[in-house]
Amino acid sequence: MLGHNAIHVIGMRPGSLELGPREWSILERAQVIAGGKRLLAACALASTPERPIRPERQIPIAGPLDEVVRRIKREAHKRVAVLADGDPLFFGFGRMLVDAFGPDRVVVHPNVTTMQLAASRLHLPWHEIETVSLHGRDDFTPLYAAISRSEKVTVYTDHVHGPSSIAEALLKRGAEGFTLTVMEDLDTPQERIRRLTPEQAWDAEFSPLNVVLLERCHPAETPLHLGVPDHLYMHEKNLITKQAVRATGLGLLGVAPGHTVWDLGAGCGSVAIEASHLADHGLVFAVEKNRRRAGMIRENVRRFSAWLVEVVRGEAPACLENLPEPDRIFIGGGLGPDSGDGDSLLDTACARLKRGGRLVIHCILLESLLRAKASLEKRGWPFGATQIMASTTDPLAGDLRFKAQNPVFILWAEKP
């Protein structure tokens, strides 16, 4: 029963919107009921003279959720019930209510989730499927991150990011090796399940009540890991951050799962691609001004299925203006004597880096090293430097010799 201080968050079965006797009893006694328009309408239809559901007030869950929480708080002295789809704590409103009122005030009544229903229709064990939600988001970052690491991904859609826009996002990123199983109106008489290619889904029509399962058609051409051999990357004129130097730079960057990473002067994208393996719940931007090299980054993203990496082609620092502030910045190019805007690039990078963020700069030329060192000293940032001189084996006279690579200076600093 509804206690004076309890807010009951009730999950309704997706599609049929069925509830158990206990939940109906709670709704009968509720003075205030909050929920989406569809769920409130279902309650009104289920109300009968023998079992009436007649709250004093209804609060539609629409628009900014912060405002919905404030409206519920104003009614929190009454008997309040909140309606949700499936499990309210599975990509639902329940977490926000627990945060707002505290776990002692909120009672959660879970139901079957849309993802569970979808998995049962396809006879798939749902614990093997990763799930992401695009509800209320303005980007596809969770989707790109999920398809980079998982073979099967369930996507909760909304009126903006539906199956067609998901297909468009995949094709624009170059992620064509997926099928979309679109499940519409699950657990209703209108239920329909279609398996489509991204091209087929792009301009198709769908019911607004849908969930999408993405399945990889084939594994990544090359598995992504740290320390990928240089020859597996497409690159030109030996313009690649070499394996040993790359590993050192990434180690000094200290990329964590949720970080936003900038790779400036990305070349073939090797640092950005391996950084995405570490920032697998974050954002990674590979910035490169050269059109041909930007195309190579996109090809390398495809080879490694590193779909989290977004290629930004343009002149830095101008092209950085609309990027989110980074936790980590790697500068692999753009500071040499032929880059007249090197000081401006450093100024912008240091200004945009978050406090406590890390900056790593690779320099081959002495002038680049001195420019970076002077910039860090001017700001009073604590920094360190190391020199990497690696050699790799090379065939010679039926045996092997060690062939030296160019020495690289690595500067690293943390923003106070």
Protein backbone atom coordinates (compact mmCIF):
# COMPACT_ATOMS: atom_id res chain seq x y z
CA MET A 1 0.00 0.00 0.00
CA LEU A 2 1.03 3.59 -0.46
CA GLY A 3 2.70 4.97 2.61
CA HIS A 4 2.59 8.67 3.41
CA ASN A 5 6.23 9.21 2.47
CA ALA A 6 6.60 6.71 -0.36
CA ILE A 7 6.72 7.52 -4.06
CA HIS A 8 5.90 4.38 -6.02
CA VAL A 9 7.49 4.06 -9.46
CA ILE A 10 5.52 1.45 -11.37
CA GLY A 11 6.81 -0.27 -14.49
CA MET A 12 4.11 -1.21 -17.00
CA ARG A 13 4.65 -4.12 -19.38
CA PRO A 14 5.72 -2.70 -22.77
CA GLY A 15 3.04 -2.96 -25.42
CA SER A 16 0.18 -4.50 -23.47
CA LEU A 17 0.80 -2.16 -20.48
CA GLU A 18 -0.29 -4.94 -18.12
CA LEU A 19 0.05 -4.58 -14.33
CA GLY A 20 -0.30 -6.94 -11.41
CA PRO A 21 -2.94 -6.69 -8.65
CA ARG A 22 -0.54 -4.98 -6.24
CA GLU A 23 0.27 -2.21 -8.70
CA TRP A 24 -3.39 -1.65 -9.57
CA SER A 25 -4.15 -1.36 -5.86
CA ILE A 26 -1.49 1.33 -5.54
CA LEU A 27 -2.94 3.26 -8.47
CA GLU A 28 -6.47 3.07 -7.04
CA ARG A 29 -5.31 4.84 -3.89
CA ALA A 30 -2.93 7.31 -5.54
CA GLN A 31 -3.82 10.99 -5.24
CA VAL A 32 -1.27 12.02 -7.87
CA ILE A 33 -0.20 9.98 -10.89
CA ALA A 34 2.67 11.02 -13.15
CA GLY A 35 3.50 9.38 -16.45
CA GLY A 36 3.83 9.77 -20.20
CA LYS A 37 0.67 10.56 -22.11
CA ARG A 38 0.38 7.02 -23.46
CA LEU A 39 0.67 5.46 -20.00
CA LEU A 40 -1.76 7.92 -18.43
CA ALA A 41 -4.25 7.18 -21.21
CA ALA A 42 -3.87 3.44 -20.60
CA CYS A 43 -4.68 3.96 -16.90
CA ALA A 44 -7.76 5.95 -17.77
CA LEU A 45 -8.98 3.19 -20.11
CA ALA A 46 -8.36 0.50 -17.48
CA SER A 47 -10.36 2.36 -14.83
CA THR A 48 -13.79 0.83 -14.10
CA PRO A 49 -16.58 1.66 -11.63
CA GLU A 50 -15.62 -1.44 -9.67
CA ARG A 51 -11.92 -0.55 -9.68
CA PRO A 52 -11.62 3.18 -10.33
CA ILE A 53 -8.39 5.02 -10.90
CA ARG A 54 -9.26 8.66 -10.24
CA PRO A 55 -6.30 10.68 -9.01
CA GLU A 56 -6.78 14.26 -7.88
CA ARG A 57 -4.07 15.31 -10.28
CA GLN A 58 -2.09 13.97 -13.22
CA ILE A 59 1.42 15.12 -14.12
CA PRO A 60 2.42 14.39 -17.73
CA ILE A 61 6.07 13.41 -18.12
CA ALA A 62 7.03 15.58 -21.06
CA GLY A 63 9.59 18.26 -21.75
CA PRO A 64 12.55 18.85 -19.42
CA LEU A 65 12.62 16.11 -16.78
CA ASP A 66 14.01 18.49 -14.14
CA GLU A 67 10.75 20.42 -14.30
CA VAL A 68 8.76 17.17 -13.98
CA VAL A 69 10.73 16.31 -10.83
CA ARG A 70 10.00 19.77 -9.38
CA ARG A 71 6.28 19.30 -10.02
CA ILE A 72 6.35 15.90 -8.32
CA LYS A 73 8.19 17.42 -5.34
CA ARG A 74 5.40 19.94 -4.88
CA GLU A 75 2.97 17.02 -4.55
CA ALA A 76 5.26 14.73 -2.56
CA HIS A 77 3.20 15.14 0.68
CA LYS A 78 0.39 13.21 -1.07
CA ARG A 79 0.17 9.60 -2.26
CA VAL A 80 2.18 9.68 -5.48
CA ALA A 81 2.60 7.04 -8.17
CA VAL A 82 4.81 7.40 -11.23
CA LEU A 83 4.25 5.28 -14.34
CA ALA A 84 7.11 4.05 -16.50
CA ASP A 85 7.77 1.53 -19.27
CA GLY A 86 9.25 -1.82 -18.20
CA ASP A 87 11.88 -1.51 -15.49
CA PRO A 88 12.01 2.13 -14.31
CA LEU A 89 15.69 1.74 -13.40
CA PHE A 90 16.70 0.39 -16.83
CA PHE A 91 17.30 3.56 -18.88
CA GLY A 92 14.20 4.97 -17.23
CA PHE A 93 12.98 7.81 -15.03
CA GLY A 94 13.48 5.79 -11.86
CA ARG A 95 17.14 6.69 -11.37
CA MET A 96 16.37 10.39 -11.54
CA LEU A 97 13.62 10.02 -8.92
CA VAL A 98 15.89 8.04 -6.58
CA ASP A 99 18.53 10.76 -6.91
CA ALA A 100 15.95 13.49 -6.27
CA PHE A 101 14.10 11.93 -3.33
CA GLY A 102 16.60 9.41 -1.94
CA PRO A 103 16.31 5.62 -1.86
CA ASP A 104 14.26 5.65 1.37
CA ARG A 105 11.43 7.59 -0.29
CA VAL A 106 11.16 5.66 -3.56
CA VAL A 107 9.67 2.19 -4.07
CA VAL A 108 10.35 0.68 -7.50
CA HIS A 109 8.04 -1.92 -9.05
CA PRO A 110 9.90 -3.36 -12.10
CA ASN A 111 8.28 -5.08 -15.05
CA VAL A 112 9.60 -6.82 -18.16
CA THR A 113 11.78 -4.48 -20.23
CA THR A 114 11.42 -3.81 -23.94
CA MET A 115 14.88 -5.27 -24.42
CA GLN A 116 13.85 -8.53 -22.74
CA LEU A 117 10.77 -8.78 -24.94
CA ALA A 118 12.88 -8.12 -28.04
CA ALA A 119 15.44 -10.76 -27.07
CA SER A 120 12.71 -13.33 -26.43
CA ARG A 121 11.19 -12.72 -29.87
CA LEU A 122 14.58 -13.36 -31.48
CA HIS A 123 15.47 -16.27 -29.17
CA LEU A 124 18.63 -14.54 -27.98
CA PRO A 125 20.02 -14.61 -24.42
CA TRP A 126 19.55 -10.98 -23.45
CA HIS A 127 22.51 -10.92 -21.06
CA GLU A 128 24.76 -11.18 -24.13
CA ILE A 129 23.31 -8.02 -25.71
CA GLU A 130 24.58 -4.54 -24.92
CA THR A 131 21.87 -1.91 -24.63
CA VAL A 132 22.07 1.82 -25.28
CA SER A 133 19.44 4.53 -25.20
CA LEU A 134 19.22 7.47 -27.58
CA HIS A 135 16.27 9.01 -25.69
CA GLY A 136 16.71 12.74 -25.43
CA ARG A 137 20.27 12.75 -26.78
CA ASP A 138 21.62 15.06 -29.44
CA ASP A 139 24.32 12.70 -30.73
CA PHE A 140 25.04 9.05 -31.50
CA THR A 141 28.08 8.66 -29.27
CA PRO A 142 26.63 5.80 -27.14
CA LEU A 143 25.75 3.93 -30.32
CA TYR A 144 29.19 4.32 -31.90
CA ALA A 145 30.87 3.25 -28.66
CA ALA A 146 28.65 0.18 -28.31
CA ILE A 147 29.06 -1.11 -31.87
CA SER A 148 32.84 -0.70 -31.54
CA ARG A 149 33.00 -3.27 -28.74
CA SER A 150 29.89 -5.47 -29.05
CA GLU A 151 28.51 -7.86 -31.64
CA LYS A 152 24.86 -7.23 -30.72
CA VAL A 153 23.43 -3.93 -29.51
CA THR A 154 19.84 -3.08 -28.60
CA VAL A 155 18.95 0.57 -29.17
CA TYR A 156 16.14 2.36 -27.38
CA THR A 157 14.86 4.95 -29.85
CA ASP A 158 12.78 8.11 -29.64
CA HIS A 159 10.88 10.31 -32.10
CA VAL A 160 14.13 11.99 -33.22
CA HIS A 161 16.53 9.04 -33.26
CA GLY A 162 14.50 6.22 -34.79
CA PRO A 163 15.55 3.33 -37.05
CA SER A 164 15.95 5.57 -40.11
CA SER A 165 18.24 8.05 -38.36
CA ILE A 166 20.24 5.17 -36.85
CA ALA A 167 20.74 3.73 -40.34
CA GLU A 168 21.78 7.16 -41.62
CA ALA A 169 24.27 7.57 -38.77
CA LEU A 170 25.82 4.16 -39.52
CA LEU A 171 26.20 4.90 -43.22
CA LYS A 172 27.65 8.36 -42.66
CA ARG A 173 30.24 6.93 -40.26
CA GLY A 174 31.03 4.15 -42.76
CA ALA A 175 29.75 1.37 -40.48
CA GLU A 176 27.97 -0.61 -43.17
CA GLY A 177 28.56 -4.15 -41.91
CA PHE A 178 25.49 -4.28 -39.67
CA THR A 179 21.89 -5.41 -39.96
CA LEU A 180 19.00 -3.71 -38.19
CA THR A 181 16.21 -5.83 -36.75
CA VAL A 182 13.40 -3.37 -36.11
CA MET A 183 10.72 -4.58 -33.70
CA GLU A 184 7.59 -2.45 -33.74
CA ASP A 185 4.63 -2.42 -31.34
CA LEU A 186 5.91 -5.41 -29.35
CA ASP A 187 3.33 -7.33 -27.36
CA THR A 188 0.40 -5.74 -29.20
CA PRO A 189 -1.81 -7.07 -32.02
CA GLN A 190 0.14 -4.80 -34.42
CA GLU A 191 3.52 -6.35 -33.57
CA ARG A 192 5.90 -6.48 -36.55
CA ILE A 193 9.55 -7.56 -36.84
CA ARG A 194 11.72 -6.71 -39.86
CA ARG A 195 15.38 -7.44 -40.59
CA LEU A 196 16.87 -4.72 -42.78
CA THR A 197 20.16 -3.43 -44.12
CA PRO A 198 21.05 0.18 -43.26
CA GLU A 199 20.26 1.15 -46.86
CA GLN A 200 16.79 -0.41 -46.60
CA ALA A 201 16.07 1.17 -43.22
CA TRP A 202 17.26 4.66 -44.16
CA ASP A 203 14.05 5.74 -45.95
CA ALA A 204 11.54 3.24 -44.50
CA GLU A 205 8.56 4.13 -42.30
CA PHE A 206 8.25 2.75 -38.77
CA SER A 207 5.83 2.80 -35.87
CA PRO A 208 6.92 5.28 -33.18
CA LEU A 209 6.92 2.37 -30.68
CA ASN A 210 10.00 0.45 -31.76
CA VAL A 211 13.29 -0.96 -30.57
CA VAL A 212 16.26 -1.80 -32.82
CA LEU A 213 18.73 -4.67 -32.58
CA LEU A 214 22.01 -4.05 -34.41
CA GLU A 215 24.05 -7.12 -35.32
CA ARG A 216 27.54 -7.13 -36.77
CA CYS A 217 27.63 -9.13 -40.03
CA HIS A 218 31.34 -9.96 -39.76
CA PRO A 219 34.12 -9.33 -37.24
CA ALA A 220 36.45 -6.35 -37.49
CA GLU A 221 39.01 -6.75 -40.26
CA THR A 222 41.74 -6.24 -37.65
CA PRO A 223 41.08 -6.61 -33.90
CA LEU A 224 41.75 -3.38 -32.02
CA HIS A 225 44.23 -3.43 -29.16
CA LEU A 226 47.07 -1.34 -27.80
CA GLY A 227 50.37 -1.54 -29.65
CA VAL A 228 49.04 -2.39 -33.11
CA PRO A 229 51.95 -3.05 -35.54
CA ASP A 230 52.56 -0.10 -37.83
CA HIS A 231 52.04 -2.05 -41.06
CA LEU A 232 48.40 -2.74 -40.19
CA TYR A 233 47.59 0.95 -40.48
CA MET A 234 47.17 2.61 -43.86
CA HIS A 235 49.63 5.52 -43.89
CA GLU A 236 51.81 7.46 -46.32
CA LYS A 237 55.49 8.32 -46.49
CA ASN A 238 56.14 6.70 -43.13
CA LEU A 239 53.96 9.40 -41.50
CA ILE A 240 52.77 7.40 -38.53
CA THR A 241 53.40 7.57 -34.81
CA LYS A 242 55.50 4.43 -34.48
CA GLN A 243 54.38 1.55 -32.29
CA ALA A 244 56.85 2.05 -29.41
CA VAL A 245 56.42 5.82 -29.34
CA ARG A 246 52.64 5.50 -29.62
CA ALA A 247 52.50 3.15 -26.65
CA THR A 248 54.60 5.56 -24.56
CA GLY A 249 52.45 8.54 -25.52
CA LEU A 250 49.20 6.74 -24.70
CA GLY A 251 50.67 5.62 -21.39
CA LEU A 252 51.53 9.21 -20.50
CA LEU A 253 48.08 10.42 -21.59
CA GLY A 254 46.40 8.09 -19.09
CA VAL A 255 43.12 7.82 -21.01
CA ALA A 256 40.16 6.58 -18.92
CA PRO A 257 36.85 5.11 -20.19
CA GLY A 258 34.76 8.28 -20.03
CA HIS A 259 37.35 10.75 -21.32
CA THR A 260 37.05 13.13 -24.24
CA VAL A 261 40.26 12.91 -26.30
CA TRP A 262 41.64 15.21 -28.99
CA ASP A 263 44.30 13.88 -31.39
CA LEU A 264 45.61 16.98 -33.17
CA GLY A 265 47.60 16.49 -36.35
CA ALA A 266 46.30 12.95 -36.38
CA GLY A 267 48.08 11.75 -39.54
CA CYS A 268 46.73 8.24 -40.15
CA GLY A 269 44.83 8.25 -36.84
CA SER A 270 46.78 5.53 -35.02
CA VAL A 271 46.82 7.39 -31.67
CA ALA A 272 43.13 8.31 -31.85
CA ILE A 273 42.14 4.76 -32.81
CA GLU A 274 44.03 3.15 -29.93
CA ALA A 275 42.83 5.88 -27.55
CA SER A 276 39.26 4.88 -28.45
CA HIS A 277 40.04 1.40 -27.12
CA LEU A 278 40.68 3.06 -23.73
CA ALA A 279 38.00 5.79 -23.86
CA ASP A 280 35.32 3.27 -24.81
CA HIS A 281 32.57 5.28 -23.10
CA GLY A 282 33.93 8.69 -24.06
CA LEU A 283 34.59 10.76 -27.18
CA VAL A 284 37.60 10.68 -29.50
CA PHE A 285 38.30 13.27 -32.21
CA ALA A 286 41.01 12.82 -34.85
CA VAL A 287 41.80 16.26 -36.28
CA GLU A 288 43.69 16.38 -39.57
CA LYS A 289 43.90 19.16 -42.19
CA ASN A 290 45.19 17.03 -45.08
CA ARG A 291 42.32 15.55 -47.11
CA ARG A 292 44.22 12.41 -48.14
CA ARG A 293 45.30 11.64 -44.58
CA ALA A 294 41.77 12.26 -43.29
CA GLY A 295 40.63 9.63 -45.79
CA MET A 296 43.25 7.25 -44.42
CA ILE A 297 41.95 7.79 -40.90
CA ARG A 298 38.46 6.84 -42.04
CA GLU A 299 39.82 3.69 -43.70
CA ASN A 300 41.72 2.77 -40.53
CA VAL A 301 38.60 3.37 -38.45
CA ARG A 302 36.80 0.90 -40.73
CA ARG A 303 39.60 -1.69 -40.51
CA PHE A 304 39.56 -1.69 -36.72
CA SER A 305 35.82 -1.01 -36.30
CA ALA A 306 36.84 1.96 -34.15
CA TRP A 307 33.53 3.70 -34.82
CA LEU A 308 33.88 5.93 -31.76
CA VAL A 309 36.55 7.97 -33.56
CA GLU A 310 35.15 11.06 -35.26
CA VAL A 311 37.31 12.51 -38.03
CA VAL A 312 37.49 16.31 -38.10
CA ARG A 313 39.09 17.63 -41.27
CA GLY A 314 40.20 21.24 -41.01
CA GLU A 315 42.83 23.72 -39.93
CA ALA A 316 43.48 23.77 -36.22
CA PRO A 317 42.85 25.71 -34.08
CA ALA A 318 39.91 27.15 -36.06
CA CYS A 319 38.21 23.75 -36.49
CA LEU A 320 38.34 23.04 -32.74
CA GLU A 321 35.83 25.70 -31.79
CA ASN A 322 32.75 23.45 -31.69
CA LEU A 323 34.39 20.38 -30.17
CA PRO A 324 33.62 19.51 -26.51
CA GLU A 325 36.31 20.37 -23.99
CA PRO A 326 38.85 17.55 -23.75
CA ASP A 327 40.21 15.61 -20.78
CA ARG A 328 43.22 14.54 -22.82
CA ILE A 329 45.02 16.18 -25.77
CA PHE A 330 47.64 14.55 -27.94
CA ILE A 331 49.55 16.76 -30.39
CA GLY A 332 51.40 14.79 -33.01
CA GLY A 333 51.86 17.52 -35.61
CA GLY A 334 51.33 21.16 -36.38
CA LEU A 335 54.13 22.72 -34.32
CA GLY A 336 56.97 22.67 -36.86
CA PRO A 337 58.46 25.65 -38.70
CA ASP A 338 56.15 25.13 -41.70
CA SER A 339 53.07 25.49 -39.46
CA GLY A 340 52.77 29.19 -38.90
CA ASP A 341 49.95 28.79 -36.41
CA GLY A 342 51.79 26.52 -33.97
CA ASP A 343 51.70 29.00 -31.08
CA SER A 344 47.99 29.59 -31.63
CA LEU A 345 47.39 25.83 -31.64
CA LEU A 346 49.18 25.45 -28.30
CA ASP A 347 47.32 28.42 -26.83
CA THR A 348 43.96 26.99 -27.84
CA ALA A 349 44.81 23.48 -26.66
CA CYS A 350 45.96 24.71 -23.25
CA ALA A 351 42.94 26.99 -22.86
CA ARG A 352 40.38 24.33 -23.77
CA LEU A 353 41.92 21.47 -21.79
CA LYS A 354 39.95 20.76 -18.62
CA ARG A 355 41.56 21.39 -15.25
CA GLY A 356 43.44 18.29 -14.20
CA GLY A 357 43.59 17.25 -17.85
CA ARG A 358 46.73 15.98 -19.52
CA LEU A 359 48.59 17.18 -22.60
CA VAL A 360 51.12 15.03 -24.47
CA ILE A 361 53.18 16.42 -27.34
CA HIS A 362 55.40 14.40 -29.70
CA CYS A 363 58.21 16.37 -31.33
CA ILE A 364 60.71 15.22 -33.92
CA LEU A 365 62.13 18.66 -34.72
CA LEU A 366 64.13 20.63 -32.17
CA GLU A 367 62.20 23.81 -32.95
CA SER A 368 58.91 22.06 -32.13
CA LEU A 369 60.36 20.86 -28.83
CA LEU A 370 61.56 24.35 -27.89
CA ARG A 371 58.24 25.92 -28.88
CA ALA A 372 56.26 23.46 -26.76
CA LYS A 373 58.66 23.78 -23.81
CA ALA A 374 58.47 27.59 -23.88
CA SER A 375 54.67 27.49 -24.00
CA LEU A 376 54.44 25.23 -20.94
CA GLU A 377 57.02 27.30 -19.02
CA LYS A 378 55.12 30.51 -19.81
CA ARG A 379 52.00 29.00 -18.22
CA GLY A 380 53.84 27.66 -15.21
CA TRP A 381 52.56 24.16 -15.81
CA PRO A 382 54.58 21.32 -14.33
CA PHE A 383 55.85 19.16 -17.18
CA GLY A 384 58.30 16.44 -18.00
CA ALA A 385 60.10 15.28 -21.10
CA THR A 386 61.62 12.08 -22.37
CA GLN A 387 63.31 10.94 -25.54
CA ILE A 388 62.41 7.67 -27.23
CA MET A 389 64.98 6.03 -29.51
CA ALA A 390 63.60 2.72 -30.72
CA SER A 391 65.11 0.23 -33.13
CA THR A 392 63.35 -2.55 -34.99
CA THR A 393 64.66 -5.64 -36.74
CA ASP A 394 65.35 -5.46 -40.46
CA PRO A 395 66.56 -8.28 -42.80
CA LEU A 396 70.20 -8.06 -43.85
CA ALA A 397 72.48 -10.65 -45.49
CA GLY A 398 70.30 -13.56 -44.47
CA ASP A 399 70.16 -12.39 -40.89
CA LEU A 400 68.63 -9.51 -38.94
CA ARG A 401 69.95 -6.12 -37.99
CA PHE A 402 68.45 -3.41 -35.82
CA LYS A 403 67.32 -0.39 -37.82
CA ALA A 404 67.06 2.81 -35.78
CA GLN A 405 63.95 4.96 -35.96
CA ASN A 406 64.08 8.73 -35.66
CA PRO A 407 64.37 9.86 -32.03
CA VAL A 408 61.19 11.46 -30.69
CA PHE A 409 60.90 13.94 -27.83
CA ILE A 410 57.78 13.51 -25.70
CA LEU A 411 56.55 16.29 -23.46
CA TRP A 412 53.73 15.75 -21.02
CA ALA A 413 51.98 18.17 -18.69
CA GLU A 414 48.95 18.34 -16.42
CA LYS A 415 46.79 21.45 -16.29
CA PRO A 416 46.72 22.86 -12.73
